[in-house]
Amino acid sequence: MNSLRKTRAALRRQHILITVSATLLAACAVGPDFKQPSAPDAKTYSPAPIGDSTASAPGLAGDAQHFVMGRDIPFAWWTQFQSAKLNSLVDKALKSNPTITSAQAALRQAHEFTAAQRGYFYPTVSAQFSPERQKLAGNMGGNSPGIQGNGATISTYQNPTGPTPYNGPVYYNFYTSQLALSYAPDVFGSNRRQVESLKAQEDLLRYNMEATYITLASNVVAAAIQEASLQSQVDATKLFISQNAKAVEILHKQSRLGYAMGIDVATQEAALAQAKALLPPLQKQLEQTHDLIRALCGNLPNEELDDSFDLTSLHLPEDLPVSLPSKLVEQRPDIRAATEQLHSASAQVGVATAARLPQFTITAALGGAASEIPQMFTTGGPFWNLIGNVAQPIFDGGTLRHKESAAEQGLIQAQAQYRSTVITAFQNVADTLHAIQSDADALAASAESERAAKAVMTITEKQHQLGYVNFLTLLSAQEAYQQALVNLLQARTNRYGDTAALFQALGGGWWNRESAEATTTSATPGADVSAKLAATNPAAGQ
């Protein structure tokens, strides 16, 4: 009885020792443990405070815009332009553009690579069956007329001087069946670091996919705004051409009656030609913008698409969200991707370090072998083996040491790239905020310039009708008004474009994408898989 208690106590101690050893081995992972970089210590986006609102101007897109610090950004931020046609184009692009499908596939591929690497934590077990048919040389010798084997006979010829072999072949079958096991314990965490690196690469591709959504939506909005601007310029240019054509017609009549000089007619014809010369480049840009919108939506250039816009169909959002600088590093997908690149580089240092330490492997086999299949697992047929191996690299020409140094330099490079990405992101937001302020002022100035130029042109036209000014003065006033109107259209376009750029610079609301897609019945290709993968996103739902 005492002996049984001692045996049980010894088994318990062995079990505890094995458990503790396994825990210690599992906790041993060489290389630096990754730490999330802290957010920059910045309170604002410029040394001087940016005003709470912009200047206003009369007319289209002239409302003052107000900055709302800390407001969340919706994923479908383009809906704030209040254009059903624009909403439809962006939705179509997100469903049909091949870059989305490519980004989703890249993410799923990275996920499978990570899952595949996790498989190395477990033993590899394989079943093997090897049937064998052999032919042996007949010069085997023997003292009897025939030796029976596995369906084979070795024949000999007897003579008075002794046995003389008969050179007949020998045939036999042999079967081997076994289960083979191979296992490499992750003693120093090489595989754990490799999985960590691959998981970081997977997360990097996840943020790249979110950036693809944002970039695609922003490109569609920018193209629609550009199309609206070009259409307005084309319409204005056509109006100028029509006015100049009427002026030429009137001057021709006056010239025939002797009320207009030939130089006036020639000057007006030159002005008409110049106005006509402005139209083809604008029409070319307009058609190319149509082609761009169709391509962004996944269409070929010959496929019809309702992509005609006018600036009057777009609403300028009045309240603009501005994220706190401390939150920007969480919202920008490029910063999150740079963080994961840094994480992957950190893990690769551990992989390179572990490669220089002892490598442990365990192999085992269990099976049977016999000349007949039923005899493989009977007496004499079964076999097994268990082999442990420890290998310590001693000399490799410095390969492993240099790989470790290379991994360390890769970590330094990733740290510098992360810092560069953060600086660029903050600069991007600051540039956009300044552009919103400056372009609002520019619109106010352009509106005032257009109003003044129009007043000058109207007065000059009356003076020319009364004979107080010559035709060249009138023509100069008309050209000045034409240029002022074009500047006004461009200033309005800039305000729309700056607003879209701000939403993109602040991260585009990608963290709200899942909730936005949940409200629709149509999902993008692979959206169910990407949604499951994104469920592990720590930034989701911010």
Protein backbone atom coordinates (compact mmCIF):
# COMPACT_ATOMS: atom_id res chain seq x y z
CA MET A 1 0.00 0.00 0.00
CA ASN A 2 2.82 2.39 0.93
CA SER A 3 4.60 1.45 -2.25
CA LEU A 4 1.48 2.36 -4.27
CA ARG A 5 1.25 5.76 -2.51
CA LYS A 6 4.91 6.46 -3.23
CA THR A 7 4.43 5.54 -6.85
CA ARG A 8 1.43 7.86 -7.19
CA ALA A 9 3.31 10.71 -5.45
CA ALA A 10 6.24 10.21 -7.80
CA LEU A 11 3.92 10.30 -10.80
CA ARG A 12 2.32 13.51 -9.54
CA ARG A 13 5.73 15.14 -9.08
CA GLN A 14 6.72 14.08 -12.59
CA HIS A 15 3.47 15.46 -13.97
CA ILE A 16 4.01 18.80 -12.20
CA LEU A 17 7.61 18.93 -13.40
CA ILE A 18 6.58 18.24 -16.99
CA THR A 19 3.81 20.87 -16.83
CA VAL A 20 6.13 23.51 -15.38
CA SER A 21 8.82 22.70 -17.94
CA ALA A 22 6.36 22.92 -20.80
CA THR A 23 5.05 26.25 -19.47
CA LEU A 24 8.55 27.66 -19.18
CA LEU A 25 9.41 26.50 -22.67
CA ALA A 26 6.20 27.99 -24.04
CA ALA A 27 6.97 31.32 -22.39
CA CYS A 28 10.49 31.44 -23.81
CA ALA A 29 10.45 33.50 -26.98
CA VAL A 30 13.66 35.28 -27.87
CA GLY A 31 13.71 38.70 -29.48
CA PRO A 32 12.08 42.00 -28.50
CA ASP A 33 8.45 42.04 -27.39
CA PHE A 34 6.56 44.50 -29.56
CA LYS A 35 5.17 47.62 -27.92
CA GLN A 36 2.61 49.85 -29.60
CA PRO A 37 4.18 53.22 -30.45
CA SER A 38 2.74 56.04 -28.42
CA ALA A 39 0.77 58.79 -30.14
CA PRO A 40 2.69 62.02 -30.90
CA ASP A 41 2.46 64.67 -28.24
CA ALA A 42 0.57 67.16 -30.40
CA LYS A 43 -2.46 69.22 -29.42
CA THR A 44 -3.14 70.97 -32.74
CA TYR A 45 -2.19 70.69 -36.40
CA SER A 46 -0.33 74.01 -36.62
CA PRO A 47 1.67 76.34 -34.35
CA ALA A 48 -1.02 79.02 -34.67
CA PRO A 49 -4.57 77.96 -33.88
CA ILE A 50 -6.85 77.37 -36.85
CA GLY A 51 -10.13 79.25 -36.70
CA ASP A 52 -13.37 77.51 -35.84
CA SER A 53 -15.01 78.48 -39.14
CA THR A 54 -14.17 79.66 -42.63
CA ALA A 55 -15.09 82.77 -44.54
CA SER A 56 -18.35 82.89 -46.45
CA ALA A 57 -19.21 84.16 -49.88
CA PRO A 58 -22.44 84.82 -51.78
CA GLY A 59 -23.69 82.24 -54.21
CA LEU A 60 -23.04 78.56 -54.76
CA ALA A 61 -20.66 76.80 -52.31
CA GLY A 62 -20.25 80.06 -50.41
CA ASP A 63 -21.55 79.00 -47.00
CA ALA A 64 -19.14 79.18 -44.09
CA GLN A 65 -17.88 75.80 -42.87
CA HIS A 66 -17.45 75.05 -39.17
CA PHE A 67 -14.84 72.72 -37.68
CA VAL A 68 -16.16 70.33 -35.02
CA MET A 69 -13.30 68.89 -32.97
CA GLY A 70 -13.61 65.25 -31.97
CA ARG A 71 -16.65 64.42 -34.10
CA ASP A 72 -16.70 60.89 -35.49
CA ILE A 73 -16.48 60.35 -39.25
CA PRO A 74 -19.05 58.13 -40.96
CA PHE A 75 -17.80 55.59 -43.48
CA ALA A 76 -20.24 56.89 -46.12
CA TRP A 77 -19.00 60.47 -45.70
CA TRP A 78 -19.72 61.24 -49.37
CA THR A 79 -23.46 61.22 -48.61
CA GLN A 80 -22.97 64.62 -46.96
CA PHE A 81 -22.73 66.14 -50.44
CA GLN A 82 -26.44 65.23 -50.72
CA SER A 83 -26.25 63.87 -54.25
CA ALA A 84 -28.13 60.63 -54.92
CA LYS A 85 -26.23 60.21 -58.19
CA LEU A 86 -22.89 60.53 -56.40
CA ASN A 87 -23.98 58.03 -53.74
CA SER A 88 -24.95 55.56 -56.46
CA LEU A 89 -21.60 55.90 -58.24
CA VAL A 90 -19.57 55.37 -55.07
CA ASP A 91 -21.64 52.33 -54.11
CA LYS A 92 -21.15 50.86 -57.57
CA ALA A 93 -17.41 51.48 -57.43
CA LEU A 94 -17.09 49.78 -54.04
CA LYS A 95 -18.93 46.74 -55.40
CA SER A 96 -17.45 46.49 -58.88
CA ASN A 97 -13.94 47.95 -58.89
CA PRO A 98 -11.39 45.12 -59.18
CA THR A 99 -8.97 46.76 -56.73
CA ILE A 100 -11.42 45.95 -53.93
CA THR A 101 -11.59 42.30 -54.95
CA SER A 102 -7.81 42.19 -55.20
CA ALA A 103 -7.35 43.72 -51.73
CA GLN A 104 -9.85 41.29 -50.21
CA ALA A 105 -8.14 38.32 -51.85
CA ALA A 106 -4.73 39.52 -50.62
CA LEU A 107 -6.11 39.72 -47.09
CA ARG A 108 -7.59 36.22 -47.26
CA GLN A 109 -4.31 34.90 -48.67
CA ALA A 110 -2.35 36.44 -45.79
CA HIS A 111 -4.83 34.92 -43.33
CA GLU A 112 -4.22 31.47 -44.82
CA PHE A 113 -0.44 31.96 -44.61
CA THR A 114 -0.79 32.79 -40.91
CA ALA A 115 -2.99 29.75 -40.30
CA ALA A 116 -0.53 27.55 -42.19
CA GLN A 117 2.36 28.76 -40.03
CA ARG A 118 0.41 27.91 -36.86
CA GLY A 119 0.36 24.31 -38.07
CA TYR A 120 4.06 24.02 -37.20
CA PHE A 121 3.13 24.09 -33.50
CA TYR A 122 1.81 20.54 -33.92
CA PRO A 123 3.47 17.24 -34.86
CA THR A 124 3.34 16.08 -38.44
CA VAL A 125 1.92 12.56 -38.73
CA SER A 126 1.88 10.66 -41.98
CA ALA A 127 0.77 7.15 -42.97
CA GLN A 128 3.00 5.25 -45.33
CA PHE A 129 2.57 1.98 -47.18
CA SER A 130 5.39 0.69 -49.38
CA PRO A 131 4.77 -2.48 -51.43
CA GLU A 132 7.99 -3.82 -52.87
CA ARG A 133 8.76 -6.36 -55.61
CA GLN A 134 12.40 -7.47 -55.83
CA LYS A 135 14.47 -9.54 -58.23
CA LEU A 136 17.74 -10.84 -56.80
CA ALA A 137 20.69 -12.31 -58.65
CA GLY A 138 20.54 -16.12 -58.93
CA ASN A 139 24.21 -16.67 -57.96
CA MET A 140 23.26 -17.32 -54.35
CA GLY A 141 24.68 -20.86 -53.97
CA GLY A 142 23.02 -23.61 -51.89
CA ASN A 143 23.29 -27.29 -50.88
CA SER A 144 19.83 -28.47 -51.76
CA PRO A 145 17.99 -28.83 -55.03
CA GLY A 146 15.69 -25.98 -54.16
CA ILE A 147 15.15 -23.54 -51.36
CA GLN A 148 11.56 -22.35 -51.16
CA GLY A 149 11.02 -18.72 -50.36
CA ASN A 150 8.17 -16.29 -50.88
CA GLY A 151 6.95 -17.75 -54.15
CA ALA A 152 10.54 -18.16 -55.34
CA THR A 153 12.87 -21.10 -55.79
CA ILE A 154 16.66 -21.02 -55.77
CA SER A 155 17.76 -24.01 -57.84
CA THR A 156 21.19 -25.60 -57.59
CA TYR A 157 22.92 -28.28 -59.63
CA GLN A 158 24.81 -31.07 -57.76
CA ASN A 159 28.04 -32.50 -59.19
CA PRO A 160 30.70 -34.73 -57.67
CA THR A 161 33.01 -31.93 -56.76
CA GLY A 162 30.41 -29.92 -54.78
CA PRO A 163 27.45 -27.66 -55.27
CA THR A 164 27.54 -25.52 -58.35
CA PRO A 165 25.07 -22.61 -58.36
CA TYR A 166 22.51 -22.39 -61.09
CA ASN A 167 22.25 -18.76 -62.21
CA GLY A 168 18.47 -18.47 -61.95
CA PRO A 169 16.83 -15.27 -60.67
CA VAL A 170 15.07 -14.92 -57.31
CA TYR A 171 11.79 -12.98 -56.96
CA TYR A 172 10.10 -11.94 -53.76
CA ASN A 173 7.60 -9.41 -52.35
CA PHE A 174 8.04 -7.21 -49.27
CA TYR A 175 5.55 -4.85 -47.59
CA THR A 176 6.17 -2.04 -45.13
CA SER A 177 3.42 -0.03 -43.41
CA GLN A 178 4.03 2.63 -40.79
CA LEU A 179 2.87 5.79 -39.07
CA ALA A 180 5.65 8.39 -39.06
CA LEU A 181 5.74 11.34 -36.65
CA SER A 182 7.94 14.42 -36.84
CA TYR A 183 7.88 17.23 -34.30
CA ALA A 184 10.04 20.30 -33.70
CA PRO A 185 9.34 21.78 -30.24
CA ASP A 186 9.27 25.57 -30.37
CA VAL A 187 11.67 25.85 -27.46
CA PHE A 188 12.96 29.36 -28.14
CA GLY A 189 9.85 30.75 -29.81
CA SER A 190 11.05 30.82 -33.41
CA ASN A 191 7.69 29.67 -34.74
CA ARG A 192 5.79 31.94 -32.35
CA ARG A 193 7.71 34.92 -33.66
CA GLN A 194 7.15 33.79 -37.24
CA VAL A 195 3.39 33.51 -36.61
CA GLU A 196 3.51 36.91 -34.93
CA SER A 197 5.24 38.37 -37.99
CA LEU A 198 2.76 36.82 -40.41
CA LYS A 199 -0.19 37.97 -38.30
CA ALA A 200 1.21 41.51 -38.40
CA GLN A 201 1.52 41.22 -42.19
CA GLU A 202 -2.09 40.06 -42.31
CA ASP A 203 -3.19 43.09 -40.28
CA LEU A 204 -1.08 45.31 -42.55
CA LEU A 205 -3.02 44.03 -45.56
CA ARG A 206 -6.27 44.56 -43.66
CA TYR A 207 -5.44 48.24 -43.23
CA ASN A 208 -4.29 48.41 -46.85
CA MET A 209 -7.71 47.08 -47.82
CA GLU A 210 -9.38 49.79 -45.75
CA ALA A 211 -7.14 52.34 -47.45
CA THR A 212 -8.27 50.92 -50.81
CA TYR A 213 -11.92 51.56 -49.86
CA ILE A 214 -11.12 55.11 -48.80
CA THR A 215 -8.96 55.91 -51.82
CA LEU A 216 -11.51 54.50 -54.26
CA ALA A 217 -14.39 56.46 -52.72
CA SER A 218 -12.27 59.63 -52.66
CA ASN A 219 -11.25 59.18 -56.29
CA VAL A 220 -14.88 58.78 -57.36
CA VAL A 221 -15.91 61.91 -55.43
CA ALA A 222 -12.94 63.88 -56.78
CA ALA A 223 -13.73 62.76 -60.34
CA ALA A 224 -17.40 63.73 -59.93
CA ILE A 225 -16.42 67.17 -58.62
CA GLN A 226 -13.96 67.58 -61.49
CA GLU A 227 -16.65 66.52 -63.97
CA ALA A 228 -19.06 69.08 -62.50
CA SER A 229 -16.40 71.80 -62.73
CA LEU A 230 -15.50 70.95 -66.32
CA GLN A 231 -19.14 70.81 -67.32
CA SER A 232 -19.68 74.28 -65.83
CA GLN A 233 -16.62 75.61 -67.68
CA VAL A 234 -17.81 74.03 -70.93
CA ASP A 235 -21.24 75.62 -70.50
CA ALA A 236 -19.68 79.01 -69.73
CA THR A 237 -17.34 78.74 -72.71
CA LYS A 238 -20.21 77.83 -75.02
CA LEU A 239 -22.08 80.88 -73.75
CA PHE A 240 -19.06 83.11 -74.50
CA ILE A 241 -18.79 81.59 -77.97
CA SER A 242 -22.47 82.27 -78.60
CA GLN A 243 -22.13 85.86 -77.41
CA ASN A 244 -19.05 86.43 -79.52
CA ALA A 245 -20.74 84.90 -82.56
CA LYS A 246 -23.68 87.27 -82.14
CA ALA A 247 -21.27 90.19 -81.78
CA VAL A 248 -19.48 89.19 -84.97
CA GLU A 249 -22.81 89.00 -86.79
CA ILE A 250 -23.83 92.45 -85.55
CA LEU A 251 -20.48 93.97 -86.45
CA HIS A 252 -20.69 92.54 -89.95
CA LYS A 253 -24.07 94.23 -90.43
CA GLN A 254 -22.76 97.49 -88.98
CA SER A 255 -19.69 97.27 -91.20
CA ARG A 256 -21.85 96.89 -94.33
CA LEU A 257 -23.82 99.96 -93.22
CA GLY A 258 -20.63 101.88 -92.47
CA TYR A 259 -21.15 102.06 -88.71
CA ALA A 260 -18.27 99.71 -87.78
CA MET A 261 -14.65 99.70 -88.78
CA GLY A 262 -12.94 96.70 -90.33
CA ILE A 263 -10.53 96.48 -87.39
CA ASP A 264 -13.44 96.05 -85.02
CA VAL A 265 -14.82 93.20 -87.10
CA ALA A 266 -11.41 91.52 -87.28
CA THR A 267 -10.85 91.95 -83.54
CA GLN A 268 -14.23 90.42 -82.70
CA GLU A 269 -13.57 87.52 -85.07
CA ALA A 270 -10.24 86.94 -83.33
CA ALA A 271 -12.02 86.95 -79.97
CA LEU A 272 -14.51 84.41 -81.31
CA ALA A 273 -11.70 82.19 -82.57
CA GLN A 274 -9.96 82.39 -79.20
CA ALA A 275 -13.17 81.45 -77.39
CA LYS A 276 -13.67 78.48 -79.72
CA ALA A 277 -10.07 77.38 -79.10
CA LEU A 278 -10.82 77.11 -75.37
CA LEU A 279 -13.60 74.58 -75.90
CA PRO A 280 -11.83 71.46 -77.32
CA PRO A 281 -9.35 71.09 -74.40
CA LEU A 282 -12.20 71.39 -71.92
CA GLN A 283 -14.27 68.84 -73.81
CA LYS A 284 -11.27 66.50 -73.96
CA GLN A 285 -10.80 66.73 -70.19
CA LEU A 286 -14.52 66.24 -69.69
CA GLU A 287 -14.62 63.06 -71.77
CA GLN A 288 -11.49 61.73 -70.08
CA THR A 289 -13.12 62.39 -66.71
CA HIS A 290 -16.16 60.40 -67.87
CA ASP A 291 -13.80 57.57 -68.82
CA LEU A 292 -12.15 57.77 -65.40
CA ILE A 293 -15.47 57.56 -63.57
CA ARG A 294 -16.52 54.55 -65.66
CA ALA A 295 -13.21 52.82 -64.93
CA LEU A 296 -13.48 53.54 -61.20
CA CYS A 297 -16.95 51.98 -61.25
CA GLY A 298 -15.64 48.87 -62.98
CA ASN A 299 -17.09 49.72 -66.39
CA LEU A 300 -15.46 49.75 -69.79
CA PRO A 301 -15.35 53.10 -71.64
CA ASN A 302 -18.13 52.02 -74.02
CA GLU A 303 -20.56 51.19 -71.19
CA GLU A 304 -23.10 53.86 -70.39
CA LEU A 305 -23.12 55.34 -66.91
CA ASP A 306 -25.14 58.17 -65.40
CA ASP A 307 -22.10 60.27 -64.56
CA SER A 308 -23.08 63.80 -65.58
CA PHE A 309 -22.72 66.27 -62.72
CA ASP A 310 -23.15 69.98 -62.19
CA LEU A 311 -21.85 72.04 -59.31
CA THR A 312 -25.42 73.07 -58.47
CA SER A 313 -26.26 69.40 -57.79
CA LEU A 314 -23.70 69.17 -54.97
CA HIS A 315 -24.19 70.46 -51.44
CA LEU A 316 -21.23 71.81 -49.49
CA PRO A 317 -21.20 70.28 -45.97
CA GLU A 318 -21.27 73.03 -43.37
CA ASP A 319 -20.03 71.06 -40.33
CA LEU A 320 -16.65 69.38 -40.78
CA PRO A 321 -15.30 66.83 -38.29
CA VAL A 322 -11.72 67.32 -37.13
CA SER A 323 -10.15 64.43 -35.24
CA LEU A 324 -7.95 65.09 -32.25
CA PRO A 325 -4.25 64.64 -33.10
CA SER A 326 -3.98 61.87 -30.52
CA LYS A 327 -6.69 59.92 -32.38
CA LEU A 328 -5.26 60.39 -35.85
CA VAL A 329 -2.74 57.55 -35.44
CA GLU A 330 -5.64 55.20 -34.73
CA GLN A 331 -7.78 56.42 -37.63
CA ARG A 332 -5.32 56.65 -40.51
CA PRO A 333 -5.03 53.23 -42.18
CA ASP A 334 -1.58 54.06 -43.52
CA ILE A 335 -0.34 54.68 -39.97
CA ARG A 336 -1.95 51.46 -38.77
CA ALA A 337 -0.30 49.61 -41.66
CA ALA A 338 3.08 51.15 -40.77
CA THR A 339 2.54 50.00 -37.18
CA GLU A 340 1.98 46.44 -38.32
CA GLN A 341 5.04 46.62 -40.56
CA LEU A 342 7.01 47.67 -37.48
CA HIS A 343 5.44 44.79 -35.53
CA SER A 344 6.43 42.30 -38.23
CA ALA A 345 10.00 43.60 -38.33
CA SER A 346 10.24 43.27 -34.54
CA ALA A 347 9.10 39.65 -34.70
CA GLN A 348 11.60 38.87 -37.45
CA VAL A 349 14.42 39.83 -35.08
CA GLY A 350 13.19 37.05 -32.77
CA VAL A 351 13.06 34.59 -35.67
CA ALA A 352 16.65 35.39 -36.65
CA THR A 353 17.84 35.18 -33.03
CA ALA A 354 16.19 31.80 -32.44
CA ALA A 355 17.85 30.40 -35.56
CA ARG A 356 21.24 30.74 -33.84
CA LEU A 357 20.14 28.68 -30.82
CA PRO A 358 19.89 24.87 -30.51
CA GLN A 359 17.25 23.26 -32.72
CA PHE A 360 15.25 20.36 -31.26
CA THR A 361 13.49 17.68 -33.29
CA ILE A 362 11.67 14.48 -32.40
CA THR A 363 10.88 11.73 -34.88
CA ALA A 364 9.07 8.46 -34.33
CA ALA A 365 7.69 5.59 -36.38
CA LEU A 366 5.33 2.71 -35.66
CA GLY A 367 4.57 0.01 -38.21
CA GLY A 368 5.17 -3.44 -39.53
CA ALA A 369 7.11 -5.18 -42.31
CA ALA A 370 6.80 -8.62 -43.82
CA SER A 371 6.89 -10.53 -47.07
CA GLU A 372 3.12 -10.97 -46.89
CA ILE A 373 0.56 -8.34 -45.87
CA PRO A 374 -1.18 -10.45 -43.15
CA GLN A 375 2.20 -11.04 -41.48
CA MET A 376 3.11 -7.32 -41.09
CA PHE A 377 1.62 -7.05 -37.59
CA THR A 378 2.13 -10.61 -36.37
CA THR A 379 5.11 -11.88 -34.42
CA GLY A 380 8.33 -10.46 -35.82
CA GLY A 381 6.62 -7.98 -38.13
CA PRO A 382 5.88 -4.91 -35.95
CA PHE A 383 8.55 -2.30 -35.30
CA TRP A 384 8.83 1.18 -33.74
CA ASN A 385 11.46 3.82 -33.12
CA LEU A 386 11.71 7.11 -31.22
CA ILE A 387 14.57 9.49 -32.03
CA GLY A 388 15.42 12.82 -30.44
CA ASN A 389 17.87 15.25 -31.93
CA VAL A 390 19.49 18.49 -30.81
CA ALA A 391 21.53 20.51 -33.30
CA GLN A 392 23.54 23.58 -32.40
CA PRO A 393 24.93 25.65 -35.29
CA ILE A 394 28.69 26.00 -34.80
CA PHE A 395 30.03 27.34 -38.07
CA ASP A 396 28.03 28.61 -41.02
CA GLY A 397 30.30 31.27 -42.43
CA GLY A 398 28.51 33.99 -40.45
CA THR A 399 25.21 33.47 -42.29
CA LEU A 400 22.97 33.36 -39.23
CA ARG A 401 24.77 36.21 -37.49
CA HIS A 402 24.42 38.44 -40.53
CA LYS A 403 20.75 37.50 -40.91
CA GLU A 404 20.18 38.56 -37.31
CA SER A 405 21.97 41.86 -37.96
CA ALA A 406 19.91 42.35 -41.10
CA ALA A 407 16.70 41.78 -39.11
CA GLU A 408 17.80 44.36 -36.55
CA GLN A 409 18.47 46.89 -39.31
CA GLY A 410 15.07 46.05 -40.79
CA LEU A 411 13.53 46.96 -37.43
CA ILE A 412 15.36 50.30 -37.42
CA GLN A 413 14.15 50.93 -40.97
CA ALA A 414 10.54 50.12 -40.01
CA GLN A 415 10.77 52.50 -37.05
CA ALA A 416 11.96 55.30 -39.34
CA GLN A 417 9.24 54.52 -41.90
CA TYR A 418 6.61 54.59 -39.18
CA ARG A 419 7.75 57.99 -38.00
CA SER A 420 7.83 59.26 -41.59
CA THR A 421 4.28 57.99 -42.16
CA VAL A 422 3.03 59.75 -39.02
CA ILE A 423 4.70 63.03 -39.99
CA THR A 424 3.26 62.82 -43.52
CA ALA A 425 -0.23 62.07 -42.16
CA PHE A 426 -0.16 65.06 -39.83
CA GLN A 427 1.15 67.23 -42.66
CA ASN A 428 -1.67 65.97 -44.89
CA VAL A 429 -4.33 67.00 -42.35
CA ALA A 430 -2.65 70.35 -41.72
CA ASP A 431 -2.39 71.06 -45.46
CA THR A 432 -6.06 70.24 -45.94
CA LEU A 433 -7.20 72.43 -43.05
CA HIS A 434 -5.17 75.34 -44.37
CA ALA A 435 -6.53 74.73 -47.87
CA ILE A 436 -10.11 74.83 -46.57
CA GLN A 437 -9.46 78.17 -44.88
CA SER A 438 -7.52 79.68 -47.78
CA ASP A 439 -9.85 78.46 -50.51
CA ALA A 440 -12.83 79.86 -48.62
CA ASP A 441 -11.08 83.23 -48.64
CA ALA A 442 -10.22 82.72 -52.31
CA LEU A 443 -13.87 82.02 -53.13
CA ALA A 444 -14.94 85.20 -51.37
CA ALA A 445 -12.34 87.15 -53.35
CA SER A 446 -13.28 85.42 -56.61
CA ALA A 447 -16.97 86.15 -56.05
CA GLU A 448 -16.18 89.81 -55.44
CA SER A 449 -13.93 89.87 -58.52
CA GLU A 450 -16.63 88.26 -60.68
CA ARG A 451 -19.22 90.73 -59.42
CA ALA A 452 -16.95 93.69 -60.12
CA ALA A 453 -15.92 92.38 -63.56
CA LYS A 454 -19.55 91.85 -64.48
CA ALA A 455 -20.42 95.39 -63.41
CA VAL A 456 -17.52 96.78 -65.45
CA MET A 457 -18.57 94.76 -68.49
CA THR A 458 -22.20 95.93 -68.19
CA ILE A 459 -21.20 99.60 -67.91
CA THR A 460 -18.71 99.27 -70.76
CA GLU A 461 -21.35 97.71 -73.00
CA LYS A 462 -23.66 100.70 -72.37
CA GLN A 463 -20.83 103.15 -72.95
CA HIS A 464 -19.93 101.40 -76.21
CA GLN A 465 -23.54 101.58 -77.37
CA LEU A 466 -23.49 105.33 -76.70
CA GLY A 467 -20.13 105.74 -78.43
CA TYR A 468 -18.12 106.74 -75.35
CA VAL A 469 -15.60 103.87 -75.58
CA ASN A 470 -14.14 102.01 -78.50
CA PHE A 471 -14.65 98.37 -79.28
CA LEU A 472 -11.28 97.26 -77.89
CA THR A 473 -12.25 98.57 -74.45
CA LEU A 474 -15.48 96.58 -74.59
CA LEU A 475 -13.65 93.47 -75.69
CA SER A 476 -11.14 93.83 -72.87
CA ALA A 477 -13.97 94.12 -70.32
CA GLN A 478 -15.65 91.01 -71.73
CA GLU A 479 -12.44 88.99 -71.55
CA ALA A 480 -11.83 90.14 -67.97
CA TYR A 481 -15.30 88.99 -66.98
CA GLN A 482 -14.82 85.66 -68.72
CA GLN A 483 -11.60 85.04 -66.78
CA ALA A 484 -13.23 86.13 -63.50
CA LEU A 485 -16.09 83.70 -64.07
CA VAL A 486 -13.69 80.82 -64.77
CA ASN A 487 -11.78 81.70 -61.58
CA LEU A 488 -15.04 81.67 -59.64
CA LEU A 489 -15.96 78.22 -60.96
CA GLN A 490 -12.53 76.91 -60.03
CA ALA A 491 -12.78 78.43 -56.54
CA ARG A 492 -16.11 76.70 -56.00
CA THR A 493 -14.62 73.43 -57.21
CA ASN A 494 -11.73 73.79 -54.76
CA ARG A 495 -14.10 74.08 -51.82
CA TYR A 496 -15.82 70.82 -52.70
CA GLY A 497 -12.49 69.14 -53.32
CA ASP A 498 -10.99 70.38 -50.05
CA THR A 499 -13.95 68.99 -48.11
CA ALA A 500 -13.56 65.55 -49.68
CA ALA A 501 -9.80 65.68 -49.03
CA LEU A 502 -10.40 66.38 -45.34
CA PHE A 503 -12.55 63.29 -44.90
CA GLN A 504 -9.86 61.23 -46.59
CA ALA A 505 -7.02 62.81 -44.59
CA LEU A 506 -8.77 62.02 -41.30
CA GLY A 507 -9.07 58.32 -42.13
CA GLY A 508 -12.31 58.16 -44.07
CA GLY A 509 -14.32 56.54 -41.26
CA TRP A 510 -13.18 53.01 -42.16
CA TRP A 511 -13.81 51.85 -38.60
CA ASN A 512 -17.52 52.37 -39.26
CA ARG A 513 -17.50 50.39 -42.52
CA GLU A 514 -18.92 47.19 -41.03
CA SER A 515 -21.98 48.95 -39.62
CA ALA A 516 -22.46 50.79 -42.91
CA GLU A 517 -22.36 47.57 -44.93
CA ALA A 518 -24.71 45.84 -42.51
CA THR A 519 -27.48 48.24 -43.55
CA THR A 520 -27.32 47.13 -47.20
CA THR A 521 -28.60 43.89 -48.67
CA SER A 522 -25.91 43.63 -51.32
CA ALA A 523 -22.41 42.72 -50.19
CA THR A 524 -19.17 43.12 -52.05
CA PRO A 525 -17.35 39.99 -53.28
CA GLY A 526 -15.74 38.31 -50.29
CA ALA A 527 -17.28 40.80 -47.87
CA ASP A 528 -18.46 38.02 -45.56
CA VAL A 529 -14.90 36.74 -45.19
CA SER A 530 -13.37 40.19 -44.79
CA ALA A 531 -16.03 41.06 -42.22
CA LYS A 532 -15.08 38.03 -40.14
CA LEU A 533 -11.41 38.92 -40.40
CA ALA A 534 -12.10 42.54 -39.51
CA ALA A 535 -13.96 41.43 -36.40
CA THR A 536 -10.57 41.08 -34.73
CA ASN A 537 -9.69 44.66 -35.61
CA PRO A 538 -8.97 46.45 -32.32
CA ALA A 539 -9.95 49.79 -33.83
CA ALA A 540 -13.38 48.69 -35.01
CA GLY A 541 -16.22 50.59 -33.48
CA GLN A 542 -14.16 53.52 -32.30
